[in-house]
Amino acid sequence: MAATLSDVYAQARHTLLQVRDGLERLERLESSGQQQQQQPSPSFRGGVGVGQEGPLVVAPDLAQRVKNELGQLQVWSTEMDRLWRQIIPKGPRDLWKRKVEQVAEEVEALKAGLEKYQGRQRRRQMEAQERAELFKRTRGDGAQVLQVYDEEAQSMQSVRNSSRLLDDAFSTGTAVLAQYAIQRDRLKQAQRKAYDVLNTVGLGNSVMRVIERRQLMDKWVAYVGMLVTIIIVIVFWRWTH
């Protein structure tokens, strides 16, 4: 009997929770292993740190299980993508499309997290091999081994400090650039307001000049009218007398 879209979706969601939990356990084991390596125990002279066996034994099996579950999730994601396209009504079709796309995005995110973890594991294995070769070359000189290990730990700490300082500098630069952008926007707004004020003042000056010209013209009209009236009165007075 063929599985329905709802069944496959329920299985995928359940497996997503398991994969997410597995990745979190891997990261916790990785973090505890790093803390143990940064704090070497007295038994380190023999080449093995106390308490390191647990993560080294459990992590590979857990990582393989998470990888297998991710592979199954990809198969189900492909199957769901095929099934939702067979739904004819638009409403349920759009709803299932969003659900399937969300599952696919979560699968890709978990896959990227597992790949990052595996990359870190491979890098640590290479570092462990290099340290083992260094131990062999020292031929049992414990003091020299510890000195080399301390120097390597100090170098790694310096790299981490430098990386943290670079991150802080980048954050500070980003904040400064953001402030510059805000100030630039404020200056543009002030510039636009100044232009508006200047335009308003220029329009007021033009209106005042028109009014002054009109007043001067009215004054001359009044003067000419008065002069013509006086001339008419004088002419009429002489004509009557």
C-alpha atoms as a PDB file:
ATOM      1  CA  MET A   1       0.000   0.000   0.000  1.00  0.00           C
ATOM      2  CA  ALA A   2       1.473   3.346  -1.063  1.00  0.00           C
ATOM      3  CA  ALA A   3       2.153   5.876   1.704  1.00  0.00           C
ATOM      4  CA  THR A   4       0.106   9.052   1.650  1.00  0.00           C
ATOM      5  CA  LEU A   5       1.574  12.555   1.771  1.00  0.00           C
ATOM      6  CA  SER A   6       0.413  13.000   5.360  1.00  0.00           C
ATOM      7  CA  ASP A   7       2.163   9.776   6.454  1.00  0.00           C
ATOM      8  CA  VAL A   8       5.430  10.704   4.771  1.00  0.00           C
ATOM      9  CA  TYR A   9       5.261  14.204   6.217  1.00  0.00           C
ATOM     10  CA  ALA A  10       4.690  12.868   9.762  1.00  0.00           C
ATOM     11  CA  GLN A  11       7.661  10.483   9.427  1.00  0.00           C
ATOM     12  CA  ALA A  12       9.835  13.299   8.071  1.00  0.00           C
ATOM     13  CA  ARG A  13       8.964  15.628  10.952  1.00  0.00           C
ATOM     14  CA  HIS A  14       9.733  12.898  13.489  1.00  0.00           C
ATOM     15  CA  THR A  15      13.070  12.156  11.850  1.00  0.00           C
ATOM     16  CA  LEU A  16      13.885  15.874  11.697  1.00  0.00           C
ATOM     17  CA  LEU A  17      13.556  16.052  15.467  1.00  0.00           C
ATOM     18  CA  GLN A  18      15.837  13.031  15.869  1.00  0.00           C
ATOM     19  CA  VAL A  19      18.469  14.479  13.521  1.00  0.00           C
ATOM     20  CA  ARG A  20      18.379  17.855  15.274  1.00  0.00           C
ATOM     21  CA  ASP A  21      18.785  16.147  18.640  1.00  0.00           C
ATOM     22  CA  GLY A  22      21.670  14.061  17.277  1.00  0.00           C
ATOM     23  CA  LEU A  23      23.475  17.148  15.974  1.00  0.00           C
ATOM     24  CA  GLU A  24      23.066  18.866  19.321  1.00  0.00           C
ATOM     25  CA  ARG A  25      24.557  15.819  21.068  1.00  0.00           C
ATOM     26  CA  LEU A  26      27.472  15.812  18.642  1.00  0.00           C
ATOM     27  CA  GLU A  27      28.142  19.477  19.310  1.00  0.00           C
ATOM     28  CA  ARG A  28      28.001  18.920  23.082  1.00  0.00           C
ATOM     29  CA  LEU A  29      30.448  16.030  22.804  1.00  0.00           C
ATOM     30  CA  GLU A  30      32.688  18.145  20.595  1.00  0.00           C
ATOM     31  CA  SER A  31      32.616  21.005  23.079  1.00  0.00           C
ATOM     32  CA  SER A  32      33.406  18.753  26.033  1.00  0.00           C
ATOM     33  CA  GLY A  33      36.267  17.170  24.071  1.00  0.00           C
ATOM     34  CA  GLN A  34      37.755  20.581  23.321  1.00  0.00           C
ATOM     35  CA  GLN A  35      37.562  21.571  26.983  1.00  0.00           C
ATOM     36  CA  GLN A  36      39.358  18.390  27.986  1.00  0.00           C
ATOM     37  CA  GLN A  37      42.084  19.025  25.408  1.00  0.00           C
ATOM     38  CA  GLN A  38      42.551  22.606  26.635  1.00  0.00           C
ATOM     39  CA  GLN A  39      42.988  21.269  30.216  1.00  0.00           C
ATOM     40  CA  PRO A  40      45.612  18.471  29.977  1.00  0.00           C
ATOM     41  CA  SER A  41      45.491  15.975  32.812  1.00  0.00           C
ATOM     42  CA  PRO A  42      48.500  14.543  34.698  1.00  0.00           C
ATOM     43  CA  SER A  43      48.263  11.342  32.637  1.00  0.00           C
ATOM     44  CA  PHE A  44      48.960  13.306  29.423  1.00  0.00           C
ATOM     45  CA  ARG A  45      52.610  12.232  29.515  1.00  0.00           C
ATOM     46  CA  GLY A  46      51.518   8.799  28.393  1.00  0.00           C
ATOM     47  CA  GLY A  47      49.883  10.274  25.281  1.00  0.00           C
ATOM     48  CA  VAL A  48      46.199   9.834  26.393  1.00  0.00           C
ATOM     49  CA  GLY A  49      44.091  12.389  28.272  1.00  0.00           C
ATOM     50  CA  VAL A  50      41.780  11.152  31.018  1.00  0.00           C
ATOM     51  CA  GLY A  51      38.112  11.356  30.072  1.00  0.00           C
ATOM     52  CA  GLN A  52      38.700  11.635  26.323  1.00  0.00           C
ATOM     53  CA  GLU A  53      37.648   8.111  25.447  1.00  0.00           C
ATOM     54  CA  GLY A  54      33.890   8.743  25.783  1.00  0.00           C
ATOM     55  CA  PRO A  55      33.455  11.359  23.013  1.00  0.00           C
ATOM     56  CA  LEU A  56      35.904   9.607  20.728  1.00  0.00           C
ATOM     57  CA  VAL A  57      33.969   6.334  20.937  1.00  0.00           C
ATOM     58  CA  VAL A  58      30.390   7.641  20.894  1.00  0.00           C
ATOM     59  CA  ALA A  59      30.692  10.455  18.339  1.00  0.00           C
ATOM     60  CA  PRO A  60      31.504   8.371  15.211  1.00  0.00           C
ATOM     61  CA  ASP A  61      28.514   6.037  15.678  1.00  0.00           C
ATOM     62  CA  LEU A  62      26.221   8.960  16.435  1.00  0.00           C
ATOM     63  CA  ALA A  63      27.499  10.916  13.426  1.00  0.00           C
ATOM     64  CA  GLN A  64      26.905   7.901  11.153  1.00  0.00           C
ATOM     65  CA  ARG A  65      23.355   7.498  12.479  1.00  0.00           C
ATOM     66  CA  VAL A  66      22.633  11.194  11.886  1.00  0.00           C
ATOM     67  CA  LYS A  67      24.061  10.881   8.381  1.00  0.00           C
ATOM     68  CA  ASN A  68      21.848   7.863   7.614  1.00  0.00           C
ATOM     69  CA  GLU A  69      18.756   9.660   8.922  1.00  0.00           C
ATOM     70  CA  LEU A  70      19.586  12.684   6.792  1.00  0.00           C
ATOM     71  CA  GLY A  71      19.802  10.438   3.754  1.00  0.00           C
ATOM     72  CA  GLN A  72      16.353   9.023   4.559  1.00  0.00           C
ATOM     73  CA  LEU A  73      15.035  12.554   5.007  1.00  0.00           C
ATOM     74  CA  GLN A  74      16.266  13.517   1.552  1.00  0.00           C
ATOM     75  CA  VAL A  75      14.442  10.512   0.094  1.00  0.00           C
ATOM     76  CA  TRP A  76      11.226  11.503   1.877  1.00  0.00           C
ATOM     77  CA  SER A  77      11.643  15.122   0.800  1.00  0.00           C
ATOM     78  CA  THR A  78      11.852  14.015  -2.818  1.00  0.00           C
ATOM     79  CA  GLU A  79       8.814  11.770  -2.369  1.00  0.00           C
ATOM     80  CA  MET A  80       6.786  14.596  -0.762  1.00  0.00           C
ATOM     81  CA  ASP A  81       7.767  16.959  -3.559  1.00  0.00           C
ATOM     82  CA  ARG A  82       6.334  14.447  -6.009  1.00  0.00           C
ATOM     83  CA  LEU A  83       3.151  13.831  -4.013  1.00  0.00           C
ATOM     84  CA  TRP A  84       2.085  17.437  -3.403  1.00  0.00           C
ATOM     85  CA  ARG A  85       2.247  18.153  -7.132  1.00  0.00           C
ATOM     86  CA  GLN A  86      -0.486  15.544  -7.644  1.00  0.00           C
ATOM     87  CA  ILE A  87      -2.978  17.481  -5.481  1.00  0.00           C
ATOM     88  CA  ILE A  88      -5.551  19.206  -7.675  1.00  0.00           C
ATOM     89  CA  PRO A  89      -7.401  21.709  -5.354  1.00  0.00           C
ATOM     90  CA  LYS A  90      -5.438  24.941  -5.156  1.00  0.00           C
ATOM     91  CA  GLY A  91      -5.903  25.559  -1.402  1.00  0.00           C
ATOM     92  CA  PRO A  92      -4.524  22.215  -0.120  1.00  0.00           C
ATOM     93  CA  ARG A  93      -1.938  22.225  -2.910  1.00  0.00           C
ATOM     94  CA  ASP A  94      -0.464  25.575  -1.805  1.00  0.00           C
ATOM     95  CA  LEU A  95      -0.551  24.511   1.861  1.00  0.00           C
ATOM     96  CA  TRP A  96       1.328  21.276   1.207  1.00  0.00           C
ATOM     97  CA  LYS A  97       3.772  23.105  -1.051  1.00  0.00           C
ATOM     98  CA  ARG A  98       4.776  25.389   1.823  1.00  0.00           C
ATOM     99  CA  LYS A  99       5.068  22.464   4.240  1.00  0.00           C
ATOM    100  CA  VAL A 100       7.250  20.448   1.874  1.00  0.00           C
ATOM    101  CA  GLU A 101       9.470  23.448   1.126  1.00  0.00           C
ATOM    102  CA  GLN A 102       9.901  24.062   4.846  1.00  0.00           C
ATOM    103  CA  VAL A 103      10.955  20.452   5.399  1.00  0.00           C
ATOM    104  CA  ALA A 104      13.415  20.689   2.495  1.00  0.00           C
ATOM    105  CA  GLU A 105      14.943  23.860   3.945  1.00  0.00           C
ATOM    106  CA  GLU A 106      15.345  22.258   7.373  1.00  0.00           C
ATOM    107  CA  VAL A 107      16.949  19.194   5.786  1.00  0.00           C
ATOM    108  CA  GLU A 108      19.471  21.373   3.933  1.00  0.00           C
ATOM    109  CA  ALA A 109      20.269  23.307   7.113  1.00  0.00           C
ATOM    110  CA  LEU A 110      20.840  20.098   9.100  1.00  0.00           C
ATOM    111  CA  LYS A 111      22.943  18.682   6.274  1.00  0.00           C
ATOM    112  CA  ALA A 112      25.128  21.794   6.292  1.00  0.00           C
ATOM    113  CA  GLY A 113      25.515  21.505  10.084  1.00  0.00           C
ATOM    114  CA  LEU A 114      26.601  17.859   9.806  1.00  0.00           C
ATOM    115  CA  GLU A 115      29.085  18.700   7.051  1.00  0.00           C
ATOM    116  CA  LYS A 116      30.618  21.431   9.215  1.00  0.00           C
ATOM    117  CA  TYR A 117      30.920  18.997  12.109  1.00  0.00           C
ATOM    118  CA  GLN A 118      32.566  16.362   9.912  1.00  0.00           C
ATOM    119  CA  GLY A 119      34.961  18.982   8.540  1.00  0.00           C
ATOM    120  CA  ARG A 120      36.003  19.934  12.066  1.00  0.00           C
ATOM    121  CA  GLN A 121      36.441  16.273  12.951  1.00  0.00           C
ATOM    122  CA  ARG A 122      38.681  15.669   9.927  1.00  0.00           C
ATOM    123  CA  ARG A 123      40.737  18.731  10.804  1.00  0.00           C
ATOM    124  CA  ARG A 124      41.175  17.517  14.394  1.00  0.00           C
ATOM    125  CA  GLN A 125      42.191  14.050  13.187  1.00  0.00           C
ATOM    126  CA  MET A 126      44.863  15.599  11.000  1.00  0.00           C
ATOM    127  CA  GLU A 127      46.093  17.672  13.929  1.00  0.00           C
ATOM    128  CA  ALA A 128      46.128  14.563  16.129  1.00  0.00           C
ATOM    129  CA  GLN A 129      48.196  12.695  13.516  1.00  0.00           C
ATOM    130  CA  GLU A 130      50.640  15.575  13.329  1.00  0.00           C
ATOM    131  CA  ARG A 131      50.968  15.607  17.115  1.00  0.00           C
ATOM    132  CA  ALA A 132      51.476  11.824  17.136  1.00  0.00           C
ATOM    133  CA  GLU A 133      54.283  12.157  14.603  1.00  0.00           C
ATOM    134  CA  LEU A 134      55.781  14.913  16.715  1.00  0.00           C
ATOM    135  CA  PHE A 135      55.636  12.665  19.791  1.00  0.00           C
ATOM    136  CA  LYS A 136      57.423   9.913  17.884  1.00  0.00           C
ATOM    137  CA  ARG A 137      60.209  12.268  16.832  1.00  0.00           C
ATOM    138  CA  THR A 138      60.771  13.374  20.409  1.00  0.00           C
ATOM    139  CA  ARG A 139      61.299   9.660  21.401  1.00  0.00           C
ATOM    140  CA  GLY A 140      59.744   9.778  24.828  1.00  0.00           C
ATOM    141  CA  ASP A 141      61.052  13.160  25.909  1.00  0.00           C
ATOM    142  CA  GLY A 142      58.020  14.099  28.016  1.00  0.00           C
ATOM    143  CA  ALA A 143      59.207  17.572  28.954  1.00  0.00           C
ATOM    144  CA  GLN A 144      59.791  18.487  25.335  1.00  0.00           C
ATOM    145  CA  VAL A 145      56.401  17.062  24.364  1.00  0.00           C
ATOM    146  CA  LEU A 146      54.654  19.122  27.010  1.00  0.00           C
ATOM    147  CA  GLN A 147      56.558  22.214  25.951  1.00  0.00           C
ATOM    148  CA  VAL A 148      55.570  21.703  22.314  1.00  0.00           C
ATOM    149  CA  TYR A 149      51.964  21.048  23.335  1.00  0.00           C
ATOM    150  CA  ASP A 150      51.909  24.197  25.481  1.00  0.00           C
ATOM    151  CA  GLU A 151      53.350  26.252  22.644  1.00  0.00           C
ATOM    152  CA  GLU A 152      50.748  24.829  20.260  1.00  0.00           C
ATOM    153  CA  ALA A 153      47.963  25.550  22.763  1.00  0.00           C
ATOM    154  CA  GLN A 154      49.233  29.099  23.193  1.00  0.00           C
ATOM    155  CA  SER A 155      49.360  29.544  19.423  1.00  0.00           C
ATOM    156  CA  MET A 156      45.798  28.287  19.059  1.00  0.00           C
ATOM    157  CA  GLN A 157      44.676  30.613  21.850  1.00  0.00           C
ATOM    158  CA  SER A 158      46.423  33.522  20.126  1.00  0.00           C
ATOM    159  CA  VAL A 159      44.658  32.649  16.877  1.00  0.00           C
ATOM    160  CA  ARG A 160      41.320  32.553  18.661  1.00  0.00           C
ATOM    161  CA  ASN A 161      42.034  35.908  20.328  1.00  0.00           C
ATOM    162  CA  SER A 162      43.030  37.420  16.995  1.00  0.00           C
ATOM    163  CA  SER A 163      39.866  36.081  15.390  1.00  0.00           C
ATOM    164  CA  ARG A 164      37.791  37.552  18.207  1.00  0.00           C
ATOM    165  CA  LEU A 165      39.529  40.920  17.836  1.00  0.00           C
ATOM    166  CA  LEU A 166      38.908  40.863  14.092  1.00  0.00           C
ATOM    167  CA  ASP A 167      35.230  40.100  14.692  1.00  0.00           C
ATOM    168  CA  ASP A 168      35.012  42.987  17.167  1.00  0.00           C
ATOM    169  CA  ALA A 169      36.742  45.325  14.707  1.00  0.00           C
ATOM    170  CA  PHE A 170      34.390  44.242  11.935  1.00  0.00           C
ATOM    171  CA  SER A 171      31.361  44.820  14.178  1.00  0.00           C
ATOM    172  CA  THR A 172      32.682  48.262  15.148  1.00  0.00           C
ATOM    173  CA  GLY A 173      33.313  49.178  11.506  1.00  0.00           C
ATOM    174  CA  THR A 174      29.843  48.022  10.551  1.00  0.00           C
ATOM    175  CA  ALA A 175      28.313  50.150  13.318  1.00  0.00           C
ATOM    176  CA  VAL A 176      30.354  53.198  12.233  1.00  0.00           C
ATOM    177  CA  LEU A 177      29.282  52.769   8.617  1.00  0.00           C
ATOM    178  CA  ALA A 178      25.670  52.459   9.734  1.00  0.00           C
ATOM    179  CA  GLN A 179      25.994  55.713  11.689  1.00  0.00           C
ATOM    180  CA  TYR A 180      27.541  57.388   8.644  1.00  0.00           C
ATOM    181  CA  ALA A 181      24.589  56.227   6.538  1.00  0.00           C
ATOM    182  CA  ILE A 182      22.125  57.636   9.096  1.00  0.00           C
ATOM    183  CA  GLN A 183      23.974  60.956   9.205  1.00  0.00           C
ATOM    184  CA  ARG A 184      24.045  61.099   5.409  1.00  0.00           C
ATOM    185  CA  ASP A 185      20.270  60.615   5.288  1.00  0.00           C
ATOM    186  CA  ARG A 186      19.810  63.346   7.884  1.00  0.00           C
ATOM    187  CA  LEU A 187      22.033  65.724   5.907  1.00  0.00           C
ATOM    188  CA  LYS A 188      20.046  65.002   2.753  1.00  0.00           C
ATOM    189  CA  GLN A 189      16.798  65.756   4.582  1.00  0.00           C
ATOM    190  CA  ALA A 190      18.259  69.000   5.955  1.00  0.00           C
ATOM    191  CA  GLN A 191      19.455  69.922   2.471  1.00  0.00           C
ATOM    192  CA  ARG A 192      15.995  69.339   1.008  1.00  0.00           C
ATOM    193  CA  LYS A 193      14.422  71.452   3.744  1.00  0.00           C
ATOM    194  CA  ALA A 194      16.942  74.240   3.078  1.00  0.00           C
ATOM    195  CA  TYR A 195      16.108  74.139  -0.618  1.00  0.00           C
ATOM    196  CA  ASP A 196      12.407  74.361   0.220  1.00  0.00           C
ATOM    197  CA  VAL A 197      13.022  77.365   2.479  1.00  0.00           C
ATOM    198  CA  LEU A 198      15.134  79.065  -0.174  1.00  0.00           C
ATOM    199  CA  ASN A 199      12.489  78.458  -2.799  1.00  0.00           C
ATOM    200  CA  THR A 200       9.824  79.839  -0.470  1.00  0.00           C
ATOM    201  CA  VAL A 201      11.927  82.946   0.269  1.00  0.00           C
ATOM    202  CA  GLY A 202      12.612  83.452  -3.420  1.00  0.00           C
ATOM    203  CA  LEU A 203       8.885  83.295  -4.203  1.00  0.00           C
ATOM    204  CA  GLY A 204       8.167  85.832  -1.418  1.00  0.00           C
ATOM    205  CA  ASN A 205      10.756  88.235  -2.813  1.00  0.00           C
ATOM    206  CA  SER A 206       9.220  87.995  -6.284  1.00  0.00           C
ATOM    207  CA  VAL A 207       5.749  88.739  -4.917  1.00  0.00           C
ATOM    208  CA  MET A 208       7.086  91.743  -2.951  1.00  0.00           C
ATOM    209  CA  ARG A 209       8.753  93.165  -6.049  1.00  0.00           C
ATOM    210  CA  VAL A 210       5.487  92.856  -8.006  1.00  0.00           C
ATOM    211  CA  ILE A 211       3.594  94.590  -5.181  1.00  0.00           C
ATOM    212  CA  GLU A 212       6.159  97.409  -5.035  1.00  0.00           C
ATOM    213  CA  ARG A 213       5.922  97.959  -8.794  1.00  0.00           C
ATOM    214  CA  ARG A 214       2.124  98.019  -8.573  1.00  0.00           C
ATOM    215  CA  GLN A 215       2.219 100.550  -5.746  1.00  0.00           C
ATOM    216  CA  LEU A 216       4.614 102.793  -7.706  1.00  0.00           C
ATOM    217  CA  MET A 217       2.372 102.593 -10.779  1.00  0.00           C
ATOM    218  CA  ASP A 218      -0.705 103.453  -8.694  1.00  0.00           C
ATOM    219  CA  LYS A 219       1.145 106.409  -7.204  1.00  0.00           C
ATOM    220  CA  TRP A 220       2.043 107.775 -10.651  1.00  0.00           C
ATOM    221  CA  VAL A 221      -1.508 107.244 -11.855  1.00  0.00           C
ATOM    222  CA  ALA A 222      -2.763 109.222  -8.860  1.00  0.00           C
ATOM    223  CA  TYR A 223      -0.271 112.041  -9.461  1.00  0.00           C
ATOM    224  CA  VAL A 224      -1.123 112.244 -13.172  1.00  0.00           C
ATOM    225  CA  GLY A 225      -4.845 112.230 -12.357  1.00  0.00           C
ATOM    226  CA  MET A 226      -4.397 115.061  -9.876  1.00  0.00           C
ATOM    227  CA  LEU A 227      -2.364 117.093 -12.376  1.00  0.00           C
ATOM    228  CA  VAL A 228      -4.936 116.586 -15.156  1.00  0.00           C
ATOM    229  CA  THR A 229      -7.741 117.575 -12.792  1.00  0.00           C
ATOM    230  CA  ILE A 230      -5.932 120.798 -11.824  1.00  0.00           C
ATOM    231  CA  ILE A 231      -5.292 121.667 -15.468  1.00  0.00           C
ATOM    232  CA  ILE A 232      -8.962 121.064 -16.332  1.00  0.00           C
ATOM    233  CA  VAL A 233     -10.091 123.273 -13.422  1.00  0.00           C
ATOM    234  CA  ILE A 234      -7.731 126.094 -14.460  1.00  0.00           C
ATOM    235  CA  VAL A 235      -8.848 125.923 -18.096  1.00  0.00           C
ATOM    236  CA  PHE A 236     -12.512 125.891 -17.085  1.00  0.00           C
ATOM    237  CA  TRP A 237     -12.009 128.841 -14.728  1.00  0.00           C
ATOM    238  CA  ARG A 238     -10.328 130.956 -17.430  1.00  0.00           C
ATOM    239  CA  TRP A 239     -12.929 130.002 -19.990  1.00  0.00           C
ATOM    240  CA  THR A 240     -15.753 131.097 -17.709  1.00  0.00           C
ATOM    241  CA  HIS A 241     -14.092 134.371 -16.782  1.00  0.00           C
END
